């Protein structure tokens, strides 16, 4: 079903990624080069990298699974993503370049609020990235399980190690240029599937449209406000927009790419490019899910999507690729799934290691060391964090729908990070008395979000909004109490 030629395509792709790591390894002589590409990345490469990092295998596999069992209402969430990027471009990116941020946006928190607040923020965003990337490592393992029956945990180890290896060698330059390749691979694979699936259905596009229309799957807009249940427009323009501000304006994963650009203007152009592309990319894979729904109404599954007694909609697109596509093409599409997943793994490793090394290790544990020391330590920490990601992925094997958990987990601490960034923007001089309110707000926010995730049915698009709001409300309330107490004592 998956022949030698297809495996050859996959192996060539993997070798190309490793070769890029070797190619850029000779240029990694400073931490600025290793983590920021010497601020010399073209804006368009940064824009493609942003898209490749966030879409990942969750888009290639998880998005078609959503529309297979649902409809197009997820488009309202994607609309929020577009709004968020515009907000980040206009409001947040100028703050980073005006503040002369070097390696991460959390430097503003350290400068305006204090070092303890910055350290807590770094640990919180590290937790968020570990959880998010762990899901993506798991997603990478699904196609290999279908191909050869290899246990999920073995696949996780294999692809985790590959991503660790070329990230270890080439730093952010290798990560971003592989992202560019990976972007075109998974979008190209999606476009091929979009035009190929209708050729297998009598009546083609018109039959697909008629079928999904009768099934009510073309619904995309829901004006009803709710915190739980299905997607609605308020989840998009408020909830998902705040989440997008977090992922692209306060998360190192997105901002690191902006900081590799040559200027604020180029950084804005990179983010705007991602705003222009995100909607059509998600729409493409949503439509593929609708096509698969029609196709499988009259065609049996070549491989079973039932695992451990549960129907796994996330397996449907890989099953189609492996069983129905021509030789060579299926190798390209499986490579595109690997490409999408690896773009998230390598990006997470680069982001997590950069903020830990430059904001914690260099300032707290080993200040004043040589550039050679920090480069060598950065490579070691990438390896260590990569192993941690692999273990996090093991815990994701038993979830029902990976798309939901991919957004649930990182937002446990993500909202607190965005709240801390907004708090720091309004502080202009370092004052240790400002730290207690924001530290308290972040901790309370994380506790509240753990309770919401585990004890309520609130839908994940609201998580970042709730976490950010709790952080700011608690912080400013406590700040007002402390300021009033100080005034009385005076």
Protein backbone atom coordinates (compact mmCIF):
# COMPACT_ATOMS: atom_id res chain seq x y z
CA UNK A 1 0.00 0.00 0.00
CA UNK A 2 2.94 2.31 0.70
CA UNK A 3 5.71 1.22 -1.65
CA UNK A 4 9.44 1.67 -1.90
CA UNK A 5 9.10 4.74 -4.12
CA UNK A 6 6.89 6.47 -1.55
CA UNK A 7 9.32 5.64 1.22
CA UNK A 8 12.08 7.03 -0.96
CA UNK A 9 10.25 10.37 -1.17
CA UNK A 10 9.86 10.49 2.62
CA UNK A 11 13.52 9.61 3.20
CA UNK A 12 14.71 12.25 0.71
CA UNK A 13 12.64 14.86 2.56
CA UNK A 14 14.05 13.87 5.94
CA UNK A 15 17.61 13.91 4.60
CA UNK A 16 17.02 17.38 3.13
CA UNK A 17 15.93 18.70 6.53
CA UNK A 18 19.01 17.26 8.21
CA UNK A 19 21.22 18.66 5.43
CA UNK A 20 19.84 22.13 6.08
CA UNK A 21 20.81 21.72 9.72
CA UNK A 22 24.38 20.93 8.69
CA UNK A 23 24.38 23.81 6.19
CA UNK A 24 23.53 26.41 8.83
CA UNK A 25 25.56 24.85 11.65
CA UNK A 26 28.74 26.58 10.41
CA UNK A 27 27.16 30.01 10.89
CA UNK A 28 26.11 29.60 14.53
CA UNK A 29 28.95 31.44 16.25
CA UNK A 30 26.86 33.75 18.50
CA UNK A 31 23.58 33.50 20.38
CA UNK A 32 22.23 36.26 18.14
CA UNK A 33 22.91 34.11 15.09
CA UNK A 34 21.64 30.92 16.75
CA UNK A 35 18.37 32.37 18.07
CA UNK A 36 17.70 35.36 15.76
CA UNK A 37 19.53 34.60 12.51
CA UNK A 38 21.55 37.80 13.00
CA UNK A 39 18.31 39.77 12.42
CA UNK A 40 18.78 39.17 8.73
CA UNK A 41 15.81 37.01 7.67
CA UNK A 42 13.67 38.21 4.73
CA UNK A 43 10.20 39.28 5.85
CA UNK A 44 8.46 36.87 3.47
CA UNK A 45 10.41 33.91 4.88
CA UNK A 46 9.42 34.99 8.39
CA UNK A 47 5.78 35.22 7.28
CA UNK A 48 5.76 31.72 5.78
CA UNK A 49 7.52 30.42 8.89
CA UNK A 50 4.82 31.89 11.14
CA UNK A 51 2.12 30.07 9.15
CA UNK A 52 4.07 26.79 9.00
CA UNK A 53 4.68 26.85 12.74
CA UNK A 54 1.08 27.38 13.78
CA UNK A 55 -0.68 25.18 11.23
CA UNK A 56 1.38 22.02 11.78
CA UNK A 57 -0.01 18.51 11.36
CA UNK A 58 -3.00 19.64 13.39
CA UNK A 59 -4.18 21.50 10.30
CA UNK A 60 -3.35 18.74 7.83
CA UNK A 61 -4.94 16.00 9.96
CA UNK A 62 -7.12 17.62 12.63
CA UNK A 63 -8.98 20.25 10.58
CA UNK A 64 -10.41 17.79 8.01
CA UNK A 65 -11.50 15.62 10.95
CA UNK A 66 -13.47 18.54 12.38
CA UNK A 67 -15.56 19.14 9.26
CA UNK A 68 -15.96 15.42 8.60
CA UNK A 69 -18.02 15.22 11.78
CA UNK A 70 -19.27 18.82 11.85
CA UNK A 71 -19.52 21.87 9.59
CA UNK A 72 -17.69 25.08 8.63
CA UNK A 73 -18.33 27.06 11.82
CA UNK A 74 -14.62 26.84 12.66
CA UNK A 75 -14.17 29.61 10.08
CA UNK A 76 -15.44 32.03 12.73
CA UNK A 77 -12.43 31.06 14.86
CA UNK A 78 -10.10 31.64 11.90
CA UNK A 79 -11.64 35.10 11.47
CA UNK A 80 -10.53 35.82 15.03
CA UNK A 81 -7.01 34.74 14.09
CA UNK A 82 -6.96 37.32 11.29
CA UNK A 83 -8.19 40.07 13.61
CA UNK A 84 -5.51 39.13 16.13
CA UNK A 85 -2.68 39.43 13.60
CA UNK A 86 -3.84 42.87 12.55
CA UNK A 87 -3.92 43.92 16.23
CA UNK A 88 -0.44 42.48 16.85
CA UNK A 89 0.91 44.25 13.76
CA UNK A 90 -0.48 47.66 14.76
CA UNK A 91 -0.19 47.57 18.57
CA UNK A 92 2.30 44.99 19.85
CA UNK A 93 5.12 44.79 17.31
CA UNK A 94 5.92 48.55 17.63
CA UNK A 95 6.22 48.03 21.41
CA UNK A 96 8.95 45.43 20.88
CA UNK A 97 11.01 47.43 18.43
CA UNK A 98 10.52 50.67 20.39
CA UNK A 99 11.60 48.88 23.55
CA UNK A 100 14.69 47.54 21.77
CA UNK A 101 13.86 43.94 22.60
CA UNK A 102 16.80 41.68 21.78
CA UNK A 103 15.71 38.06 22.22
CA UNK A 104 12.16 37.88 23.58
CA UNK A 105 9.15 40.10 24.40
CA UNK A 106 9.53 39.18 28.08
CA UNK A 107 12.47 41.56 28.31
CA UNK A 108 9.86 44.35 28.45
CA UNK A 109 8.39 42.75 31.57
CA UNK A 110 11.85 42.61 33.14
CA UNK A 111 12.54 46.22 32.22
CA UNK A 112 9.18 47.74 33.18
CA UNK A 113 8.05 45.49 36.02
CA UNK A 114 10.94 43.44 37.39
CA UNK A 115 13.07 40.33 36.96
CA UNK A 116 10.91 38.02 39.12
CA UNK A 117 7.87 38.79 36.99
CA UNK A 118 9.85 38.12 33.84
CA UNK A 119 11.14 34.78 35.12
CA UNK A 120 7.64 33.64 36.08
CA UNK A 121 6.35 34.68 32.64
CA UNK A 122 9.12 32.73 30.92
CA UNK A 123 8.29 29.58 32.90
CA UNK A 124 4.60 29.98 32.13
CA UNK A 125 5.14 30.30 28.38
CA UNK A 126 7.56 27.37 28.47
CA UNK A 127 4.82 25.24 30.03
CA UNK A 128 2.37 26.38 27.35
CA UNK A 129 4.81 25.54 24.55
CA UNK A 130 5.72 22.15 25.98
CA UNK A 131 2.04 21.18 26.16
CA UNK A 132 1.20 22.49 22.68
CA UNK A 133 4.23 20.95 20.98
CA UNK A 134 3.71 17.64 22.79
CA UNK A 135 0.36 17.23 21.03
CA UNK A 136 2.03 17.98 17.70
CA UNK A 137 4.67 15.31 18.24
CA UNK A 138 1.87 12.83 18.84
CA UNK A 139 0.10 13.89 15.64
CA UNK A 140 3.25 13.16 13.67
CA UNK A 141 3.10 9.54 14.80
CA UNK A 142 -0.37 8.80 13.39
CA UNK A 143 0.64 8.18 9.73
CA UNK A 144 3.45 5.78 10.70
CA UNK A 145 1.05 3.74 12.82
CA UNK A 146 -1.20 3.40 9.79
CA UNK A 147 1.65 2.60 7.42
CA UNK A 148 3.54 -0.12 9.23
CA UNK A 149 1.70 -0.70 12.46
CA UNK A 150 4.59 0.84 14.39
CA UNK A 151 3.54 1.65 17.96
CA UNK A 152 2.75 5.32 18.53
CA UNK A 153 5.51 5.71 21.09
CA UNK A 154 8.15 4.44 18.66
CA UNK A 155 7.03 6.93 16.01
CA UNK A 156 7.08 9.74 18.56
CA UNK A 157 10.69 8.94 19.41
CA UNK A 158 11.79 8.71 15.76
CA UNK A 159 10.38 12.04 14.61
CA UNK A 160 11.15 13.81 17.85
CA UNK A 161 14.81 12.88 17.44
CA UNK A 162 14.91 14.06 13.80
CA UNK A 163 13.49 17.48 14.75
CA UNK A 164 15.89 17.74 17.70
CA UNK A 165 18.84 16.93 15.46
CA UNK A 166 18.50 19.62 12.80
CA UNK A 167 17.34 22.24 15.31
CA UNK A 168 20.39 21.42 17.44
CA UNK A 169 22.66 21.93 14.46
CA UNK A 170 21.28 24.94 12.63
CA UNK A 171 19.40 27.07 15.15
CA UNK A 172 16.60 29.42 14.09
CA UNK A 173 17.96 29.85 10.54
CA UNK A 174 17.63 26.13 9.84
CA UNK A 175 14.22 26.09 11.53
CA UNK A 176 12.81 28.98 9.50
CA UNK A 177 14.13 27.91 6.10
CA UNK A 178 12.81 24.39 6.67
CA UNK A 179 9.53 26.05 7.66
CA UNK A 180 9.40 27.78 4.28
CA UNK A 181 9.86 24.44 2.51
CA UNK A 182 7.35 22.78 4.81
CA UNK A 183 4.76 25.50 4.17
CA UNK A 184 4.76 24.87 0.44
CA UNK A 185 4.77 21.11 0.96
CA UNK A 186 1.66 20.89 3.10
CA UNK A 187 -0.23 23.59 1.17
CA UNK A 188 0.72 21.88 -2.10
CA UNK A 189 -0.41 18.55 -0.67
CA UNK A 190 -3.70 20.08 0.41
CA UNK A 191 -4.30 21.59 -3.03
CA UNK A 192 -3.62 18.24 -4.71
CA UNK A 193 -6.11 16.49 -2.42
CA UNK A 194 -8.66 19.26 -3.05
CA UNK A 195 -8.62 18.68 -6.81
CA UNK A 196 -8.08 14.90 -6.68
CA UNK A 197 -10.87 13.76 -4.32
CA UNK A 198 -13.69 15.04 -6.59
CA UNK A 199 -12.34 12.84 -9.42
CA UNK A 200 -13.20 9.79 -7.28
CA UNK A 201 -16.80 10.89 -6.72
CA UNK A 202 -19.51 10.61 -9.39
CA UNK A 203 -20.61 14.14 -10.15
CA UNK A 204 -17.42 15.71 -8.81
CA UNK A 205 -17.65 19.11 -7.15
CA UNK A 206 -21.38 19.51 -7.83
CA UNK A 207 -22.20 16.23 -6.08
CA UNK A 208 -20.00 17.19 -3.13
CA UNK A 209 -21.75 20.54 -2.82
CA UNK A 210 -25.21 18.99 -3.05
CA UNK A 211 -24.40 16.30 -0.49
CA UNK A 212 -22.82 18.53 2.16
CA UNK A 213 -25.50 21.17 1.65
CA UNK A 214 -28.27 18.66 2.38
CA UNK A 215 -26.34 17.46 5.44
CA UNK A 216 -26.13 21.02 6.80
CA UNK A 217 -22.35 21.03 6.66
CA UNK A 218 -22.04 24.38 4.88
CA UNK A 219 -23.14 26.30 7.94
CA UNK A 220 -20.35 28.67 8.91
CA UNK A 221 -22.02 31.46 10.92
CA UNK A 222 -23.62 31.17 14.35
CA UNK A 223 -24.67 34.45 16.04
CA UNK A 224 -25.71 32.85 19.34
CA UNK A 225 -23.45 33.73 22.26
CA UNK A 226 -22.28 30.83 24.43
CA UNK A 227 -19.27 29.81 26.47
CA UNK A 228 -19.71 26.14 25.63
CA UNK A 229 -21.19 24.14 22.78
CA UNK A 230 -20.36 24.74 19.13
CA UNK A 231 -18.32 27.54 17.59
CA UNK A 232 -20.03 30.92 17.29
CA UNK A 233 -19.05 34.35 16.03
CA UNK A 234 -18.36 35.66 19.55
CA UNK A 235 -15.90 32.85 20.17
CA UNK A 236 -14.16 34.04 17.02
CA UNK A 237 -14.06 37.83 17.18
CA UNK A 238 -13.45 37.91 20.96
CA UNK A 239 -12.16 34.56 22.22
CA UNK A 240 -10.02 33.46 19.27
CA UNK A 241 -8.85 37.03 18.66
CA UNK A 242 -7.45 37.22 22.21
CA UNK A 243 -5.89 33.79 21.77
CA UNK A 244 -4.29 34.97 18.52
CA UNK A 245 -2.88 38.01 20.32
CA UNK A 246 -1.31 35.55 22.75
CA UNK A 247 0.14 33.13 20.19
CA UNK A 248 1.41 35.83 17.82
CA UNK A 249 2.01 38.79 20.08
CA UNK A 250 3.13 37.37 23.43
CA UNK A 251 4.40 33.87 22.64
CA UNK A 252 8.06 33.52 21.74
CA UNK A 253 7.00 31.02 19.08
CA UNK A 254 5.56 33.80 16.92
CA UNK A 255 7.50 36.84 18.04
CA UNK A 256 10.88 35.15 17.57
CA UNK A 257 10.21 35.18 13.83
CA UNK A 258 9.34 38.86 13.88
CA UNK A 259 12.56 39.62 15.78
CA UNK A 260 14.65 37.85 13.12
CA UNK A 261 13.55 40.51 10.61
CA UNK A 262 15.75 43.43 9.69
CA UNK A 263 13.42 46.18 10.89
CA UNK A 264 10.05 46.95 12.47
CA UNK A 265 8.65 47.49 8.97
CA UNK A 266 9.75 44.04 7.86
CA UNK A 267 8.40 42.49 11.07
CA UNK A 268 5.00 44.06 10.39
CA UNK A 269 5.05 42.82 6.80
CA UNK A 270 5.80 39.27 7.99
CA UNK A 271 2.88 39.30 10.42
CA UNK A 272 0.56 40.83 7.84
CA UNK A 273 1.51 38.11 5.34
CA UNK A 274 0.48 35.51 7.90
CA UNK A 275 -2.82 37.39 8.36
CA UNK A 276 -3.47 37.24 4.62
CA UNK A 277 -2.69 33.52 4.32
CA UNK A 278 -4.20 31.98 7.45
CA UNK A 279 -7.83 32.09 6.31
CA UNK A 280 -7.37 30.42 2.88
CA UNK A 281 -5.03 27.76 4.36
CA UNK A 282 -7.53 26.71 7.05
CA UNK A 283 -10.44 26.95 4.59
CA UNK A 284 -8.63 24.58 2.22
CA UNK A 285 -8.32 21.83 4.82
CA UNK A 286 -11.87 22.38 6.09
CA UNK A 287 -13.09 21.75 2.55
CA UNK A 288 -11.01 18.58 2.34
CA UNK A 289 -12.88 17.30 5.40
CA UNK A 290 -16.20 17.90 3.63
CA UNK A 291 -14.95 16.05 0.56
CA UNK A 292 -13.85 13.09 2.67
CA UNK A 293 -17.31 13.03 4.25
CA UNK A 294 -18.95 12.65 0.84
CA UNK A 295 -16.37 10.15 -0.40
CA UNK A 296 -16.76 7.81 2.58
CA UNK A 297 -20.55 7.84 2.31
CA UNK A 298 -20.25 5.41 -0.59
CA UNK A 299 -16.76 3.94 -0.13
CA UNK A 300 -15.56 1.66 2.68
CA UNK A 301 -12.55 2.51 4.81
CA UNK A 302 -9.43 0.78 3.50
CA UNK A 303 -8.04 0.85 7.04
CA UNK A 304 -10.02 0.98 10.24
CA UNK A 305 -10.29 4.40 11.99
CA UNK A 306 -11.40 2.61 15.17
CA UNK A 307 -8.63 2.48 17.76
CA UNK A 308 -9.09 1.08 21.27
CA UNK A 309 -12.81 0.87 20.57
CA UNK A 310 -13.10 4.57 19.62
CA UNK A 311 -13.69 6.17 16.23
CA UNK A 312 -10.66 8.38 15.46
CA UNK A 313 -11.69 11.03 12.94
CA UNK A 314 -8.10 12.30 13.05
CA UNK A 315 -7.04 9.14 11.16
CA UNK A 316 -9.33 9.73 8.17
CA UNK A 317 -7.14 11.91 5.96
CA UNK A 318 -4.01 9.76 6.50
CA UNK A 319 -6.11 6.66 5.68
CA UNK A 320 -7.24 8.29 2.44
CA UNK A 321 -3.71 9.34 1.53
CA UNK A 322 -2.23 5.91 2.13
CA UNK A 323 -4.97 3.86 0.47
CA UNK A 324 -6.24 5.97 -2.42
CA UNK A 325 -3.56 8.25 -3.81
CA UNK A 326 -1.17 7.32 -6.66
CA UNK A 327 2.33 6.04 -5.97
CA UNK A 328 4.73 8.90 -5.34
CA UNK A 329 1.95 11.36 -4.59
CA UNK A 330 1.12 9.58 -1.36
CA UNK A 331 4.81 9.81 -0.44
CA UNK A 332 4.70 13.56 -1.02
CA UNK A 333 1.53 13.98 1.04
CA UNK A 334 2.80 11.87 3.92
CA UNK A 335 5.99 13.96 3.77
CA UNK A 336 3.81 17.08 3.93
CA UNK A 337 2.23 15.77 7.14
CA UNK A 338 5.67 15.13 8.58
CA UNK A 339 6.72 18.57 7.33
CA UNK A 340 3.79 20.26 9.03
CA UNK A 341 4.41 18.49 12.32
CA UNK A 342 8.17 19.00 12.31
CA UNK A 343 7.72 22.73 11.70
CA UNK A 344 5.95 22.94 15.04
CA UNK A 345 8.39 20.73 16.92
CA UNK A 346 11.54 22.51 15.77
CA UNK A 347 9.99 25.94 16.32
CA UNK A 348 8.97 25.05 19.86
CA UNK A 349 12.45 23.78 20.65
CA UNK A 350 14.09 26.95 19.33
CA UNK A 351 11.61 29.23 21.14
CA UNK A 352 11.74 27.43 24.50
CA UNK A 353 15.52 27.15 24.52
CA UNK A 354 16.04 30.80 23.50
CA UNK A 355 13.89 32.25 26.28
CA UNK A 356 15.31 29.90 28.89
CA UNK A 357 18.96 30.48 27.98
CA UNK A 358 18.78 34.25 27.43
CA UNK A 359 16.24 35.22 30.10
CA UNK A 360 16.99 32.77 32.91
CA UNK A 361 20.23 30.85 32.55
CA UNK A 362 22.30 33.80 31.33
CA UNK A 363 20.88 36.29 33.84
CA UNK A 364 20.31 34.12 36.92
CA UNK A 365 22.63 31.12 36.87
CA UNK A 366 25.58 31.90 34.60
CA UNK A 367 25.97 35.64 33.88
CA UNK A 368 29.11 36.92 32.21
CA UNK A 369 30.08 33.74 30.35
CA UNK A 370 31.48 33.71 26.81
CA UNK A 371 29.39 33.45 23.65
CA UNK A 372 30.90 30.01 23.02
CA UNK A 373 29.62 28.84 26.41
CA UNK A 374 26.06 30.06 25.74
CA UNK A 375 26.01 28.51 22.26
CA UNK A 376 27.15 25.13 23.60
CA UNK A 377 24.69 25.28 26.49
CA UNK A 378 21.87 26.25 24.09
CA UNK A 379 22.50 23.13 22.03
CA UNK A 380 22.50 20.96 25.13
CA UNK A 381 19.25 22.46 26.37
CA UNK A 382 17.59 21.88 22.99
CA UNK A 383 18.41 18.20 23.35
CA UNK A 384 17.07 18.09 26.92
CA UNK A 385 13.89 19.98 26.07
CA UNK A 386 13.37 17.74 23.05
CA UNK A 387 13.35 14.68 25.30
CA UNK A 388 10.83 16.43 27.57
CA UNK A 389 8.60 17.09 24.53
CA UNK A 390 8.71 13.41 23.63
CA UNK A 391 7.53 12.43 27.09
CA UNK A 392 4.76 15.05 26.98
CA UNK A 393 3.64 13.53 23.66
CA UNK A 394 3.25 10.13 25.31
CA UNK A 395 0.52 11.58 27.52
CA UNK A 396 -1.49 12.70 24.47
CA UNK A 397 -2.13 9.23 23.02
CA UNK A 398 -5.53 8.64 24.60
CA UNK A 399 -7.38 11.88 23.78
CA UNK A 400 -10.46 11.66 21.56
CA UNK A 401 -10.01 14.70 19.29
CA UNK A 402 -6.51 16.13 19.19
CA UNK A 403 -7.60 19.51 17.78
CA UNK A 404 -9.44 20.45 20.95
CA UNK A 405 -6.66 19.40 23.30
CA UNK A 406 -4.04 21.16 21.20
CA UNK A 407 -5.74 24.44 22.11
CA UNK A 408 -6.86 23.53 25.62
CA UNK A 409 -3.51 22.63 27.15
CA UNK A 410 -1.32 25.65 26.27
CA UNK A 411 -3.99 28.10 27.36
CA UNK A 412 -3.81 26.96 30.97
CA UNK A 413 -0.89 29.36 31.42
CA UNK A 414 -1.03 31.26 28.10
CA UNK A 415 -3.64 33.81 29.18
CA UNK A 416 -1.51 34.75 32.18
CA UNK A 417 1.39 35.51 29.84
CA UNK A 418 -0.68 37.83 27.64
CA UNK A 419 -2.04 39.56 30.73
CA UNK A 420 1.51 40.10 31.98
CA UNK A 421 2.49 41.64 28.64
CA UNK A 422 -0.42 44.09 28.68
CA UNK A 423 0.39 44.95 32.30
CA UNK A 424 4.03 45.63 31.39
CA UNK A 425 3.08 47.88 28.46
CA UNK A 426 1.44 50.28 30.93
CA UNK A 427 4.45 50.35 33.27
CA UNK A 428 7.23 52.68 32.24
CA UNK A 429 9.68 52.50 35.14
CA UNK A 430 10.90 49.48 37.06
CA UNK A 431 9.28 49.41 40.48
CA UNK A 432 9.50 46.29 42.63
CA UNK A 433 6.14 47.13 44.19
CA UNK A 434 4.57 46.41 40.79
CA UNK A 435 5.71 42.78 40.83
CA UNK A 436 3.50 41.35 43.58
CA UNK A 437 0.22 42.25 41.82
CA UNK A 438 1.18 40.72 38.46
CA UNK A 439 2.80 37.63 39.99
CA UNK A 440 -0.32 37.06 42.07
CA UNK A 441 -2.54 37.66 39.05
CA UNK A 442 -0.66 35.12 36.93
CA UNK A 443 -0.76 32.42 39.60
CA UNK A 444 -4.47 32.95 40.27
CA UNK A 445 -5.12 32.86 36.50
CA UNK A 446 -3.36 29.50 36.13
CA UNK A 447 -5.33 28.03 39.05
CA UNK A 448 -8.62 29.30 37.60
CA UNK A 449 -7.79 27.89 34.17
CA UNK A 450 -6.93 24.46 35.58
CA UNK A 451 -10.35 24.43 37.25
CA UNK A 452 -12.09 25.54 34.04
CA UNK A 453 -10.32 22.94 31.89
CA UNK A 454 -10.97 20.06 34.28
CA UNK A 455 -14.34 20.96 35.81
CA UNK A 456 -16.39 22.92 33.24
CA UNK A 457 -17.59 22.68 29.64
CA UNK A 458 -16.29 26.10 28.62
CA UNK A 459 -14.98 25.81 25.04
CA UNK A 460 -11.27 26.36 24.41
CA UNK A 461 -11.63 29.54 22.26
CA UNK A 462 -12.52 31.39 25.48
CA UNK A 463 -9.55 30.13 27.49
CA UNK A 464 -7.01 32.83 26.60
CA UNK A 465 -9.62 35.55 27.05
CA UNK A 466 -10.58 34.26 30.50
CA UNK A 467 -6.98 33.72 31.58
CA UNK A 468 -5.93 37.19 30.44
CA UNK A 469 -8.92 38.83 32.10
CA UNK A 470 -8.35 37.08 35.43
CA UNK A 471 -4.68 38.09 35.36
CA UNK A 472 -5.45 41.76 34.76
CA UNK A 473 -8.40 41.99 37.16
CA UNK A 474 -6.48 40.41 40.04
CA UNK A 475 -3.32 42.39 39.27
CA UNK A 476 -4.95 45.83 39.09
CA UNK A 477 -7.21 45.12 42.07
CA UNK A 478 -4.25 44.13 44.23
CA UNK A 479 -2.22 47.05 42.89
CA UNK A 480 -5.02 49.46 43.87
CA UNK A 481 -5.24 47.91 47.35
CA UNK A 482 -1.49 48.16 47.87
CA UNK A 483 -1.41 51.73 46.55
CA UNK A 484 -4.25 52.73 48.88
CA UNK A 485 -2.57 51.08 51.84
CA UNK A 486 0.69 52.89 51.05
CA UNK A 487 -1.17 56.23 50.81
CA UNK A 488 -2.84 55.70 54.17
CA UNK A 489 0.45 54.80 55.83
CA UNK A 490 2.07 57.89 54.35
